[in-house]
Amino acid sequence: MWLREDILKSIWHVFTALDVDQRGKVSKSQLKVLSHNLCTIMKIPHDPVALEEHFKDDDKGPLSKQGYMPYLNTFIIDKVREDFDVLEFNRMCWTLCHKKNITTNNLLISNSDAFKIWCIFNFLSEDKYPLVIVPEEVEYFLQKLTEAMGNKWSEEKFSDANLQLNRRSCLTAWEMIQLVGTGTFSKGMDRQSLSMGINEVFQELILDVLKQGYMMKKGHKRKNWTERWFVLRPTSLSYYVCEDLVDMKGHITLDQSCCVESLPDKEAKKCLFIIKCPDKSFEISASDKKKKHDWIQAIQTCIQLLRLGLASPHREARLRRRELRQKQMAKEEDLVERMKMLQAANESNQLQLEAMLKKMKTVAAEVATEEDRRKKSQSDLQDRLRLDLEREKMVRQHMEEQVAQKSSQLEQYLQRVREMEDMHHQLEEALKNERRAKQDEEAMRKLQARLLEEETTRRAELERLHLQQKRALCQMRAEKQELVAEPLAQEGDLQAAMQQLERVERQRHGALQKYEEVSRTLERAAYQTKKWKDKVAKHEGLLRLIHPGGKGPERVTNWGPASVTDVELEMRKKSWQERKNTQAQAQ
């Protein structure tokens, strides 16, 4: 059964060959000759009047404005009957087009083999013009041809052919003939094997020969067994005298009511099976069990396809391959569209990431500014504490000088009272200093608390940024694994921020340590004040009556003349020296 697309492909080759200038125009005389030949081959009555009527508006130009295709469809293809010889039609089209496109003199194949490859190209090519064959169909044809020549298909063995296929996406009919004829993929094979392989693929794909071979057939009248050459097609099983297909001895028409069954061995015949048709049955004997099983399976496949209303297996396989390629192309287009959408999403995420990075840089700058301000305030606090310590030291020295001066005036009771009053005033000043120190300590504690609150606020802000960064990273991992480098950079920035926060924490601990040192200094100051109070109490207890002394020289001390003995004086000197050393070490 012929298809309109197959007829149009062959006619397209002829029209392309007649179009010498490659402008899509052919002269009217050539179209008349072509139409007459087509009508003759297809057994259609030729109507010259219709052709002249169709091209009546084209007296000056080479082609009708209406084109040749409307005339071809209306007056030729629509009138074609199914009993015309398609092979003869293809030979006629081949004769008109091959001489202008290729010559077989420098090829390993004959003109007949080139014609068969041309027919196979028309069968496997896409239904688009200009006609080309996709690499998948070329590989399918080369694989079938290799198996027909008795070899196994191997990608390494046919690397040269694959290289030639990869140079262009699709091949024309003449490029495909050139590929097979130059022997690029069939190295080591002779011309006869190549020709036999082409013929076998041609019979299988074009002539719909599903299976062929010698078997024994039982006669209907004489009941004798005769060897015949059987040829199985989708709708028939023909048998000939020999494999040259010249003398056909019979024809078995297959339809939906036919069936094939295996028979037991009988009459010294083995590997028997029977084909049951509505009018008669045919007993056949194969040479071995494998061939018997293959023939039964092939005939059952044909009957099953007829019951399903399907075309030949090769046409169905071609349709499935085309559908598979279309699905693959649709998937690729969908994948490209999804990649574009993903790229747009990635660009959007990249912009968001850049905005977050800018925000993080701004926050880092603010943190650095705050850190500088905190360091400056801490330095000012340290300077104030240092001045307070120096002031306290000067006060202490001044007090020591006053004590030294007042010690010489202890000779009289009134002088001692005035000295104690002066010391009392000094103690009040010390108490005021202590209160001021406590107020400074409270102010420093408030400052420290404020710094801690600010640091807590910054830590919360950094943690919030960290959570936002984690959510962004999770979203980026789900969308595209190729963006792992950017989240790692963000994580590095976050770690740098956390390290900076740790440095701030260490500085805060340093400030606390300094605060503790100042507290200890204040405690030592309070302790010194308490010691002064003890000294005052002790001095108050040293007041005693002055008794007459000895005749020796009178000893004068800070506590008055002859107020202590020599032993007590030495002990007090030693105790005073130890306290002085302790105070110097503490400072």
Protein backbone atom coordinates (compact mmCIF):
# COMPACT_ATOMS: atom_id res chain seq x y z
CA MET A 1 0.00 0.00 0.00
CA TRP A 2 1.44 3.37 -1.01
CA LEU A 3 1.34 6.60 0.98
CA ARG A 4 0.93 10.13 -0.36
CA GLU A 5 4.08 11.27 1.48
CA ASP A 6 6.21 8.58 -0.22
CA ILE A 7 5.01 9.62 -3.69
CA LEU A 8 5.59 13.31 -3.00
CA LYS A 9 9.15 12.65 -1.78
CA SER A 10 10.11 10.96 -5.08
CA ILE A 11 8.47 13.72 -7.13
CA TRP A 12 10.26 16.34 -5.01
CA HIS A 13 13.64 14.87 -6.04
CA VAL A 14 12.63 15.14 -9.71
CA PHE A 15 11.37 18.71 -9.35
CA THR A 16 14.59 19.70 -7.52
CA ALA A 17 16.69 18.17 -10.31
CA LEU A 18 14.71 20.08 -12.96
CA ASP A 19 15.14 23.33 -10.99
CA VAL A 20 18.55 24.17 -12.45
CA ASP A 21 18.72 27.73 -11.10
CA GLN A 22 17.52 26.59 -7.64
CA ARG A 23 14.87 29.31 -7.57
CA GLY A 24 11.89 26.98 -7.16
CA LYS A 25 10.85 27.39 -10.78
CA VAL A 26 10.67 24.84 -13.61
CA SER A 27 9.72 25.50 -17.22
CA LYS A 28 6.21 24.66 -18.41
CA SER A 29 7.45 22.21 -21.06
CA GLN A 30 9.37 20.20 -18.48
CA LEU A 31 6.32 20.10 -16.20
CA LYS A 32 4.22 18.82 -19.10
CA VAL A 33 6.69 16.01 -19.78
CA LEU A 34 6.86 15.16 -16.08
CA SER A 35 3.08 15.09 -15.75
CA HIS A 36 2.74 12.85 -18.81
CA ASN A 37 5.32 10.40 -17.44
CA LEU A 38 3.64 10.32 -14.03
CA CYS A 39 0.25 9.62 -15.54
CA THR A 40 1.73 6.85 -17.69
CA ILE A 41 3.51 5.15 -14.77
CA MET A 42 0.51 5.49 -12.42
CA LYS A 43 -1.96 4.34 -15.11
CA ILE A 44 -3.95 7.60 -15.03
CA PRO A 45 -5.58 9.12 -18.14
CA HIS A 46 -3.61 12.19 -19.08
CA ASP A 47 -5.60 15.39 -19.62
CA PRO A 48 -3.45 18.02 -21.46
CA VAL A 49 -6.37 20.46 -21.51
CA ALA A 50 -6.43 20.59 -17.69
CA LEU A 51 -2.69 21.25 -17.62
CA GLU A 52 -3.00 24.07 -20.15
CA GLU A 53 -5.95 25.53 -18.25
CA HIS A 54 -3.93 25.44 -15.03
CA PHE A 55 -0.95 27.24 -16.61
CA LYS A 56 -2.89 29.61 -18.91
CA ASP A 57 -1.86 32.68 -16.88
CA ASP A 58 1.84 31.90 -17.28
CA ASP A 59 2.55 32.61 -20.94
CA LYS A 60 5.54 34.81 -20.19
CA GLY A 61 7.00 33.22 -17.08
CA PRO A 62 8.48 29.75 -16.45
CA LEU A 63 5.90 28.70 -13.84
CA SER A 64 2.23 29.24 -13.00
CA LYS A 65 1.38 31.61 -10.18
CA GLN A 66 -0.80 28.88 -8.73
CA GLY A 67 2.17 26.50 -8.59
CA TYR A 68 2.57 22.89 -9.68
CA MET A 69 1.49 21.31 -6.38
CA PRO A 70 -2.25 22.09 -6.71
CA TYR A 71 -2.31 20.53 -10.17
CA LEU A 72 -0.30 17.51 -8.94
CA ASN A 73 -2.67 16.86 -6.06
CA THR A 74 -5.90 17.43 -8.00
CA PHE A 75 -5.23 15.78 -11.35
CA ILE A 76 -2.64 13.08 -10.53
CA ILE A 77 -2.24 11.98 -6.89
CA ASP A 78 -5.96 12.08 -6.05
CA LYS A 79 -6.65 9.78 -9.05
CA VAL A 80 -3.96 7.20 -8.26
CA ARG A 81 -5.15 3.62 -7.76
CA GLU A 82 -3.49 1.26 -5.31
CA ASP A 83 -2.60 -1.33 -7.96
CA PHE A 84 0.08 0.72 -9.72
CA ASP A 85 3.75 -0.37 -9.48
CA VAL A 86 5.37 1.86 -6.89
CA LEU A 87 8.82 0.38 -7.61
CA GLU A 88 8.55 1.28 -11.29
CA PHE A 89 7.42 4.78 -10.30
CA ASN A 90 10.49 5.19 -8.09
CA ARG A 91 12.76 3.95 -10.88
CA MET A 92 11.37 6.57 -13.20
CA CYS A 93 11.92 9.34 -10.63
CA TRP A 94 15.43 8.02 -9.95
CA THR A 95 16.26 8.10 -13.66
CA LEU A 96 15.22 11.75 -13.91
CA CYS A 97 17.14 13.03 -10.90
CA HIS A 98 20.25 10.94 -10.11
CA LYS A 99 22.45 11.96 -13.05
CA LYS A 100 22.36 15.62 -12.03
CA ASN A 101 23.29 14.92 -8.42
CA ILE A 102 25.69 11.96 -8.23
CA THR A 103 27.73 9.56 -10.31
CA THR A 104 28.43 5.98 -9.28
CA ASN A 105 31.62 5.52 -11.32
CA ASN A 106 33.93 6.32 -8.40
CA LEU A 107 31.86 4.43 -5.80
CA LEU A 108 31.94 0.81 -4.59
CA ILE A 109 28.26 0.34 -5.38
CA SER A 110 26.38 0.00 -8.66
CA ASN A 111 23.64 2.23 -9.99
CA SER A 112 21.03 -0.32 -8.86
CA ASP A 113 22.42 -0.31 -5.31
CA ALA A 114 22.43 3.50 -5.30
CA PHE A 115 18.77 3.44 -6.36
CA LYS A 116 17.93 1.13 -3.47
CA ILE A 117 19.73 3.42 -1.00
CA TRP A 118 17.78 6.34 -2.50
CA CYS A 119 14.49 4.51 -1.89
CA ILE A 120 15.58 3.69 1.68
CA PHE A 121 16.41 7.37 2.21
CA ASN A 122 12.90 8.39 1.07
CA PHE A 123 11.43 5.84 3.48
CA LEU A 124 13.51 6.94 6.51
CA SER A 125 13.67 10.70 5.82
CA GLU A 126 11.57 13.24 7.68
CA ASP A 127 8.30 14.52 6.19
CA LYS A 128 9.78 18.01 5.78
CA TYR A 129 11.25 19.77 2.77
CA PRO A 130 14.04 19.95 1.76
CA LEU A 131 14.32 16.22 2.48
CA VAL A 132 17.00 15.20 4.99
CA ILE A 133 17.63 12.19 7.19
CA VAL A 134 18.48 12.61 10.86
CA PRO A 135 21.58 10.90 12.35
CA GLU A 136 19.43 8.47 14.36
CA GLU A 137 17.86 7.08 11.17
CA VAL A 138 21.27 6.94 9.44
CA GLU A 139 22.62 4.91 12.35
CA TYR A 140 19.54 2.65 12.18
CA PHE A 141 20.16 2.04 8.45
CA LEU A 142 23.88 1.39 8.92
CA GLN A 143 23.13 -1.03 11.74
CA LYS A 144 20.60 -2.93 9.60
CA LEU A 145 23.09 -3.00 6.69
CA THR A 146 25.91 -4.26 8.91
CA GLU A 147 23.75 -7.05 10.31
CA ALA A 148 22.64 -7.96 6.77
CA MET A 149 26.32 -8.34 5.77
CA GLY A 150 26.85 -10.77 8.67
CA ASN A 151 28.78 -8.43 10.96
CA LYS A 152 28.06 -7.01 14.39
CA TRP A 153 27.39 -3.34 14.90
CA SER A 154 30.21 -1.69 16.81
CA GLU A 155 30.75 2.01 17.46
CA GLU A 156 34.56 1.65 17.54
CA LYS A 157 34.65 -0.21 14.24
CA PHE A 158 32.66 2.53 12.50
CA SER A 159 34.35 5.52 14.10
CA ASP A 160 35.08 7.09 10.71
CA ALA A 161 31.42 6.93 9.71
CA ASN A 162 30.38 8.38 13.06
CA LEU A 163 32.91 11.19 12.60
CA GLN A 164 31.43 11.98 9.22
CA LEU A 165 27.92 11.96 10.69
CA ASN A 166 28.92 14.28 13.50
CA ARG A 167 30.19 16.94 11.08
CA ARG A 168 26.62 17.84 10.09
CA SER A 169 23.33 17.36 11.84
CA CYS A 170 21.45 15.82 8.87
CA LEU A 171 22.29 14.20 5.49
CA THR A 172 20.72 14.50 2.07
CA ALA A 173 20.00 11.50 -0.15
CA TRP A 174 23.16 12.03 -2.21
CA GLU A 175 25.35 12.44 0.87
CA MET A 176 23.94 9.19 2.23
CA ILE A 177 24.72 7.38 -1.05
CA GLN A 178 28.22 8.88 -0.96
CA LEU A 179 28.67 7.69 2.65
CA VAL A 180 27.73 4.09 1.82
CA GLY A 181 29.40 4.04 -1.59
CA THR A 182 32.82 5.19 -0.38
CA GLY A 183 33.04 2.23 2.02
CA THR A 184 33.82 4.40 5.03
CA PHE A 185 31.95 2.15 7.45
CA SER A 186 32.38 -1.18 5.59
CA LYS A 187 36.16 -1.55 5.62
CA GLY A 188 37.29 -5.07 4.80
CA MET A 189 34.05 -6.00 2.98
CA ASP A 190 33.91 -6.73 -0.76
CA ARG A 191 31.47 -5.18 -3.19
CA GLN A 192 29.38 -8.33 -3.50
CA SER A 193 28.74 -8.53 0.26
CA LEU A 194 27.88 -4.84 0.35
CA SER A 195 25.48 -5.21 -2.58
CA MET A 196 23.80 -8.23 -0.99
CA GLY A 197 23.40 -6.36 2.29
CA ILE A 198 21.85 -3.34 0.53
CA ASN A 199 19.48 -5.62 -1.35
CA GLU A 200 18.39 -7.40 1.84
CA VAL A 201 17.71 -4.09 3.66
CA PHE A 202 15.88 -2.81 0.56
CA GLN A 203 13.63 -5.85 0.45
CA GLU A 204 12.94 -5.61 4.17
CA LEU A 205 12.20 -1.87 4.39
CA ILE A 206 10.86 -0.98 0.91
CA LEU A 207 9.37 -4.22 -0.40
CA ASP A 208 8.05 -5.17 3.08
CA VAL A 209 9.74 -8.59 2.93
CA LEU A 210 9.53 -9.67 6.57
CA LYS A 211 11.08 -13.09 6.07
CA GLN A 212 12.21 -15.31 3.16
CA GLY A 213 13.82 -18.69 2.68
CA TYR A 214 13.51 -22.24 1.31
CA MET A 215 10.90 -24.63 2.78
CA MET A 216 9.02 -27.73 1.64
CA LYS A 217 5.33 -27.36 0.65
CA LYS A 218 2.75 -30.11 0.29
CA GLY A 219 0.76 -30.06 -2.95
CA HIS A 220 -3.05 -29.90 -3.03
CA LYS A 221 -3.61 -32.39 -5.86
CA ARG A 222 -0.64 -34.78 -5.99
CA LYS A 223 0.12 -34.46 -2.25
CA ASN A 224 3.82 -34.43 -2.99
CA TRP A 225 6.40 -32.29 -1.18
CA THR A 226 8.23 -29.68 -3.26
CA GLU A 227 10.91 -27.19 -2.21
CA ARG A 228 9.89 -23.57 -2.73
CA TRP A 229 11.33 -20.14 -2.00
CA PHE A 230 8.87 -18.42 0.38
CA VAL A 231 8.59 -14.64 0.77
CA LEU A 232 6.51 -13.27 3.69
CA ARG A 233 4.99 -9.80 3.43
CA PRO A 234 2.54 -8.07 5.83
CA THR A 235 -0.53 -9.24 3.86
CA SER A 236 0.69 -12.28 1.90
CA LEU A 237 2.98 -15.30 1.75
CA SER A 238 4.24 -15.96 -1.79
CA TYR A 239 6.31 -18.92 -2.95
CA TYR A 240 8.56 -19.15 -5.99
CA VAL A 241 10.59 -21.79 -7.78
CA CYS A 242 13.86 -20.23 -6.65
CA GLU A 243 15.11 -17.09 -4.95
CA ASP A 244 15.34 -15.01 -8.14
CA LEU A 245 11.59 -14.32 -7.72
CA VAL A 246 10.93 -14.81 -11.42
CA ASP A 247 8.51 -17.77 -11.51
CA MET A 248 5.86 -17.40 -8.75
CA LYS A 249 4.03 -20.69 -8.11
CA GLY A 250 1.42 -19.49 -5.67
CA HIS A 251 0.19 -16.81 -3.33
CA ILE A 252 -1.35 -17.12 0.16
CA THR A 253 -3.40 -14.09 1.15
CA LEU A 254 -3.34 -13.38 4.88
CA ASP A 255 -6.30 -11.77 6.60
CA GLN A 256 -7.83 -11.52 10.05
CA SER A 257 -9.46 -14.99 9.83
CA CYS A 258 -6.22 -16.84 9.05
CA CYS A 259 -4.24 -18.75 11.65
CA VAL A 260 -1.03 -20.77 11.84
CA GLU A 261 -0.53 -23.91 13.95
CA SER A 262 2.27 -26.36 14.59
CA LEU A 263 1.84 -30.00 13.46
CA PRO A 264 3.45 -33.17 14.75
CA ASP A 265 5.97 -35.00 12.58
CA LYS A 266 4.45 -37.44 10.04
CA GLU A 267 5.26 -39.15 6.77
CA ALA A 268 8.97 -38.82 7.41
CA LYS A 269 8.54 -35.05 7.50
CA LYS A 270 9.64 -33.02 10.46
CA CYS A 271 9.17 -29.46 11.64
CA LEU A 272 5.67 -29.19 10.18
CA PHE A 273 3.17 -26.35 10.55
CA ILE A 274 -0.09 -25.44 8.79
CA ILE A 275 -1.56 -22.15 7.61
CA LYS A 276 -5.37 -22.20 7.72
CA CYS A 277 -7.20 -19.80 5.42
CA PRO A 278 -10.96 -19.48 4.80
CA ASP A 279 -10.79 -21.29 1.42
CA LYS A 280 -7.92 -23.78 1.93
CA SER A 281 -5.02 -24.82 4.19
CA PHE A 282 -1.29 -25.12 3.45
CA GLU A 283 1.08 -27.63 5.07
CA ILE A 284 4.72 -26.54 5.15
CA SER A 285 7.89 -28.21 6.45
CA ALA A 286 10.88 -26.17 7.68
CA SER A 287 14.46 -27.40 7.69
CA ASP A 288 14.86 -27.31 11.49
CA LYS A 289 12.93 -26.45 14.65
CA LYS A 290 14.39 -22.95 14.96
CA LYS A 291 13.33 -21.94 11.45
CA LYS A 292 9.90 -23.50 12.06
CA HIS A 293 9.45 -21.45 15.21
CA ASP A 294 10.69 -18.26 13.45
CA TRP A 295 8.27 -18.73 10.53
CA ILE A 296 5.30 -19.41 12.81
CA GLN A 297 6.16 -16.38 14.92
CA ALA A 298 6.54 -14.11 11.86
CA ILE A 299 3.22 -15.26 10.31
CA GLN A 300 1.40 -14.83 13.62
CA THR A 301 2.82 -11.29 13.89
CA CYS A 302 1.46 -10.40 10.44
CA ILE A 303 -2.00 -11.80 11.28
CA GLN A 304 -2.02 -9.92 14.58
CA LEU A 305 -1.11 -6.64 12.85
CA LEU A 306 -3.93 -7.20 10.34
CA ARG A 307 -6.40 -7.78 13.19
CA LEU A 308 -5.24 -4.55 14.86
CA GLY A 309 -5.48 -2.63 11.58
CA LEU A 310 -1.81 -1.54 11.71
CA ALA A 311 0.64 -0.99 8.87
CA SER A 312 3.79 -2.97 8.26
CA PRO A 313 6.15 -3.47 11.23
CA HIS A 314 8.83 -1.26 9.71
CA ARG A 315 6.41 1.62 9.17
CA GLU A 316 5.12 1.24 12.72
CA ALA A 317 8.71 1.18 14.01
CA ARG A 318 9.49 4.32 11.97
CA LEU A 319 6.47 6.08 13.46
CA ARG A 320 7.52 5.04 16.96
CA ARG A 321 11.04 6.35 16.38
CA ARG A 322 9.67 9.66 15.11
CA GLU A 323 7.33 9.95 18.08
CA LEU A 324 10.23 9.16 20.40
CA ARG A 325 12.36 11.88 18.74
CA GLN A 326 9.50 14.36 18.98
CA LYS A 327 9.05 13.55 22.67
CA GLN A 328 12.79 13.90 23.18
CA MET A 329 12.78 17.26 21.41
CA ALA A 330 9.81 18.36 23.52
CA LYS A 331 11.65 17.28 26.64
CA GLU A 332 14.75 19.18 25.52
CA GLU A 333 12.71 22.30 24.81
CA ASP A 334 11.01 21.96 28.19
CA LEU A 335 14.42 21.49 29.79
CA VAL A 336 15.72 24.60 28.02
CA GLU A 337 12.69 26.57 29.22
CA ARG A 338 13.18 25.31 32.75
CA MET A 339 16.86 26.20 32.57
CA LYS A 340 15.92 29.72 31.49
CA MET A 341 13.47 30.01 34.39
CA LEU A 342 16.09 28.65 36.77
CA GLN A 343 18.64 31.10 35.39
CA ALA A 344 16.21 33.97 35.95
CA ALA A 345 15.58 32.74 39.50
CA ASN A 346 19.31 32.45 40.06
CA GLU A 347 19.83 36.02 38.84
CA SER A 348 17.08 37.21 41.20
CA ASN A 349 18.66 35.33 44.09
CA GLN A 350 22.03 36.77 43.13
CA LEU A 351 20.60 40.28 43.32
CA GLN A 352 19.07 39.51 46.71
CA LEU A 353 22.37 38.09 47.86
CA GLU A 354 24.23 41.20 46.73
CA ALA A 355 21.70 43.36 48.59
CA MET A 356 22.21 41.27 51.72
CA LEU A 357 25.98 41.58 51.35
CA LYS A 358 25.68 45.36 51.07
CA LYS A 359 23.48 45.38 54.16
CA MET A 360 25.98 43.22 56.02
CA LYS A 361 28.79 45.59 55.03
CA THR A 362 26.73 48.53 56.30
CA VAL A 363 26.07 46.72 59.58
CA ALA A 364 29.77 45.84 59.85
CA ALA A 365 30.69 49.50 59.30
CA GLU A 366 28.21 50.52 62.00
CA VAL A 367 29.63 47.88 64.34
CA ALA A 368 33.17 49.14 63.64
CA THR A 369 32.06 52.73 64.34
CA GLU A 370 30.40 51.65 67.56
CA GLU A 371 33.51 49.70 68.52
CA ASP A 372 35.69 52.77 67.93
CA ARG A 373 33.35 54.88 70.03
CA ARG A 374 33.37 52.24 72.77
CA LYS A 375 37.16 52.08 72.69
CA LYS A 376 37.34 55.86 72.90
CA SER A 377 34.95 55.96 75.86
CA GLN A 378 36.90 53.17 77.53
CA SER A 379 40.13 55.08 76.96
CA ASP A 380 38.58 58.22 78.45
CA LEU A 381 37.41 56.20 81.45
CA GLN A 382 40.89 54.78 81.89
CA ASP A 383 42.35 58.28 81.71
CA ARG A 384 39.92 59.50 84.37
CA LEU A 385 40.75 56.54 86.57
CA ARG A 386 44.44 57.20 86.10
CA LEU A 387 43.98 60.86 87.07
CA ASP A 388 41.96 59.84 90.11
CA LEU A 389 44.71 57.44 91.18
CA GLU A 390 47.36 60.11 90.71
CA ARG A 391 45.23 62.58 92.65
CA GLU A 392 44.78 60.04 95.42
CA LYS A 393 48.50 59.41 95.45
CA MET A 394 49.21 63.13 95.70
CA VAL A 395 46.66 63.40 98.50
CA ARG A 396 48.33 60.51 100.28
CA GLN A 397 51.72 62.14 99.90
CA HIS A 398 50.30 65.40 101.12
CA MET A 399 48.77 63.64 104.10
CA GLU A 400 52.10 61.99 104.90
CA GLU A 401 53.80 65.34 104.73
CA GLN A 402 51.20 66.81 107.03
CA VAL A 403 51.58 63.88 109.43
CA ALA A 404 55.33 64.40 109.39
CA GLN A 405 54.86 68.07 110.08
CA LYS A 406 52.32 67.46 112.85
CA SER A 407 54.51 64.81 114.48
CA SER A 408 56.97 67.48 115.54
CA GLN A 409 54.21 69.41 117.25
CA LEU A 410 53.10 66.65 119.60
CA GLU A 411 54.98 68.26 122.50
CA GLN A 412 51.89 70.03 123.65
CA TYR A 413 48.42 68.75 124.19
CA LEU A 414 46.75 71.55 122.26
CA GLN A 415 49.03 70.92 119.34
CA ARG A 416 48.05 67.23 119.49
CA VAL A 417 44.35 68.14 119.55
CA ARG A 418 44.77 70.44 116.55
CA GLU A 419 46.69 67.73 114.78
CA MET A 420 43.84 65.25 115.47
CA GLU A 421 41.32 67.83 114.24
CA ASP A 422 43.36 68.25 111.07
CA MET A 423 43.48 64.50 110.71
CA HIS A 424 39.70 64.41 111.23
CA HIS A 425 39.27 66.90 108.40
CA GLN A 426 41.56 64.80 106.25
CA LEU A 427 39.47 61.74 107.04
CA GLU A 428 36.34 63.59 105.95
CA GLU A 429 38.04 64.46 102.70
CA ALA A 430 39.02 60.81 102.33
CA LEU A 431 35.43 59.83 102.93
CA LYS A 432 34.33 62.32 100.28
CA ASN A 433 36.90 60.86 97.92
CA GLU A 434 35.56 57.41 98.72
CA ARG A 435 32.02 58.56 97.99
CA ARG A 436 33.19 60.11 94.72
CA ALA A 437 34.98 56.86 93.89
CA LYS A 438 31.81 54.93 94.60
CA GLN A 439 29.83 57.33 92.41
CA ASP A 440 32.41 56.85 89.65
CA GLU A 441 32.11 53.11 90.16
CA GLU A 442 28.31 53.32 89.85
CA ALA A 443 28.66 55.44 86.69
CA MET A 444 31.11 52.93 85.26
CA ARG A 445 28.71 50.09 86.09
CA LYS A 446 25.90 51.93 84.30
CA LEU A 447 28.18 52.49 81.32
CA GLN A 448 29.16 48.82 81.36
CA ALA A 449 25.48 47.81 81.51
CA ARG A 450 24.70 50.09 78.57
CA LEU A 451 27.62 48.60 76.63
CA LEU A 452 26.34 45.14 77.45
CA GLU A 453 22.84 46.06 76.26
CA GLU A 454 24.24 47.47 73.01
CA GLU A 455 26.38 44.40 72.56
CA THR A 456 23.31 42.19 73.18
CA THR A 457 21.38 44.20 70.59
CA ARG A 458 24.18 43.79 68.06
CA ARG A 459 24.40 40.09 68.85
CA ALA A 460 20.63 39.71 68.28
CA GLU A 461 20.94 41.62 65.00
CA LEU A 462 23.83 39.40 63.90
CA GLU A 463 21.90 36.26 64.88
CA ARG A 464 18.89 37.52 62.91
CA LEU A 465 21.15 38.12 59.92
CA HIS A 466 22.62 34.68 60.49
CA LEU A 467 19.13 33.10 60.44
CA GLN A 468 18.24 35.04 57.30
CA GLN A 469 21.48 33.89 55.73
CA LYS A 470 20.73 30.27 56.64
CA ARG A 471 17.25 30.49 55.13
CA ALA A 472 18.69 32.03 51.97
CA LEU A 473 21.32 29.30 51.81
CA CYS A 474 18.69 26.57 52.21
CA GLN A 475 16.64 28.10 49.43
CA MET A 476 19.70 28.38 47.20
CA ARG A 477 20.64 24.72 47.79
CA ALA A 478 17.13 23.58 46.89
CA GLU A 479 17.08 25.59 43.65
CA LYS A 480 20.55 25.06 42.28
CA GLN A 481 23.55 23.12 43.57
CA GLU A 482 25.84 25.13 41.28
CA LEU A 483 25.55 28.13 43.69
CA VAL A 484 27.43 26.44 46.56
CA ALA A 485 30.37 28.84 46.26
CA GLU A 486 28.28 31.97 47.04
CA PRO A 487 26.69 30.56 50.25
CA LEU A 488 30.15 29.50 51.37
CA ALA A 489 31.37 33.08 50.88
CA GLN A 490 28.38 34.32 52.90
CA GLU A 491 29.12 31.77 55.57
CA GLY A 492 32.72 33.03 55.62
CA ASP A 493 31.48 36.62 56.07
CA LEU A 494 29.20 35.45 58.85
CA GLN A 495 32.06 33.62 60.53
CA ALA A 496 34.16 36.79 60.24
CA ALA A 497 31.33 38.70 61.90
CA MET A 498 31.11 36.05 64.64
CA GLN A 499 34.88 36.29 65.12
CA GLN A 500 34.55 40.07 65.40
CA LEU A 501 31.79 39.50 67.97
CA GLU A 502 34.11 37.19 69.87
CA ARG A 503 36.77 39.92 69.84
CA VAL A 504 34.19 42.35 71.21
CA GLU A 505 33.37 39.77 73.90
CA ARG A 506 37.06 39.46 74.80
CA GLN A 507 37.38 43.26 74.97
CA ARG A 508 34.32 43.32 77.24
CA HIS A 509 35.99 40.76 79.50
CA GLY A 510 39.11 42.99 79.49
CA ALA A 511 36.97 45.94 80.52
CA LEU A 512 35.46 43.83 83.33
CA GLN A 513 38.94 42.88 84.49
CA LYS A 514 39.97 46.53 84.52
CA TYR A 515 36.78 47.29 86.42
CA GLU A 516 37.73 44.64 88.97
CA GLU A 517 41.21 46.18 89.26
CA VAL A 518 39.66 49.61 89.91
CA SER A 519 37.35 47.99 92.47
CA ARG A 520 40.34 46.43 94.18
CA THR A 521 42.05 49.85 94.15
CA LEU A 522 39.01 51.41 95.78
CA GLU A 523 38.98 48.62 98.34
CA ARG A 524 42.66 49.33 99.11
CA ALA A 525 41.79 53.03 99.41
CA ALA A 526 38.99 52.15 101.84
CA TYR A 527 41.38 49.89 103.67
CA GLN A 528 43.89 52.77 103.97
CA THR A 529 41.12 55.01 105.27
CA LYS A 530 40.29 52.40 107.86
CA LYS A 531 43.95 52.21 108.82
CA TRP A 532 43.99 55.97 109.28
CA LYS A 533 40.97 55.62 111.53
CA ASP A 534 42.82 52.97 113.50
CA LYS A 535 45.84 55.26 113.73
CA VAL A 536 43.66 58.04 115.04
CA ALA A 537 42.18 55.76 117.64
CA LYS A 538 45.64 54.54 118.50
CA HIS A 539 46.97 58.09 118.78
CA GLU A 540 44.09 58.93 121.04
CA GLY A 541 45.09 56.01 123.26
CA LEU A 542 48.70 57.18 123.39
CA LEU A 543 47.93 60.26 125.39
CA ARG A 544 49.45 59.76 128.77
CA LEU A 545 50.80 61.78 131.63
CA ILE A 546 54.34 62.97 131.25
CA HIS A 547 56.53 61.70 134.09
CA PRO A 548 59.93 62.98 134.96
CA GLY A 549 62.54 61.36 132.82
CA GLY A 550 66.12 60.38 133.49
CA LYS A 551 69.11 62.59 133.53
CA GLY A 552 70.17 61.63 130.11
CA PRO A 553 69.35 63.53 126.95
CA GLU A 554 65.65 63.75 126.32
CA ARG A 555 64.43 61.71 123.22
CA VAL A 556 62.04 63.57 121.02
CA THR A 557 59.75 61.55 118.68
CA ASN A 558 56.68 62.17 116.57
CA TRP A 559 54.59 61.17 119.53
CA GLY A 560 56.13 63.70 121.88
CA PRO A 561 59.20 63.90 124.11
CA ALA A 562 59.91 60.73 126.08
CA SER A 563 56.52 59.26 125.25
CA VAL A 564 57.94 55.79 124.35
CA THR A 565 60.88 53.72 125.38
CA ASP A 566 63.76 52.79 123.12
CA VAL A 567 62.42 49.27 122.55
CA GLU A 568 58.97 50.52 121.71
CA LEU A 569 60.46 53.09 119.36
CA GLU A 570 62.42 50.42 117.46
CA MET A 571 59.35 48.22 117.16
CA ARG A 572 57.27 51.14 115.87
CA LYS A 573 59.97 52.07 113.35
CA LYS A 574 60.08 48.49 112.11
CA SER A 575 56.27 48.31 111.86
CA TRP A 576 56.11 51.67 110.05
CA GLN A 577 58.81 50.58 107.57
CA GLU A 578 56.95 47.31 106.80
CA ARG A 579 53.68 49.19 106.14
CA LYS A 580 55.51 51.63 103.84
CA ASN A 581 57.04 48.79 101.87
CA THR A 582 53.64 47.09 101.60
CA GLN A 583 52.01 50.28 100.30
CA ALA A 584 54.81 50.79 97.75
CA GLN A 585 54.37 47.23 96.47
CA ALA A 586 50.61 47.64 96.29
CA GLN A 587 51.00 50.84 94.22
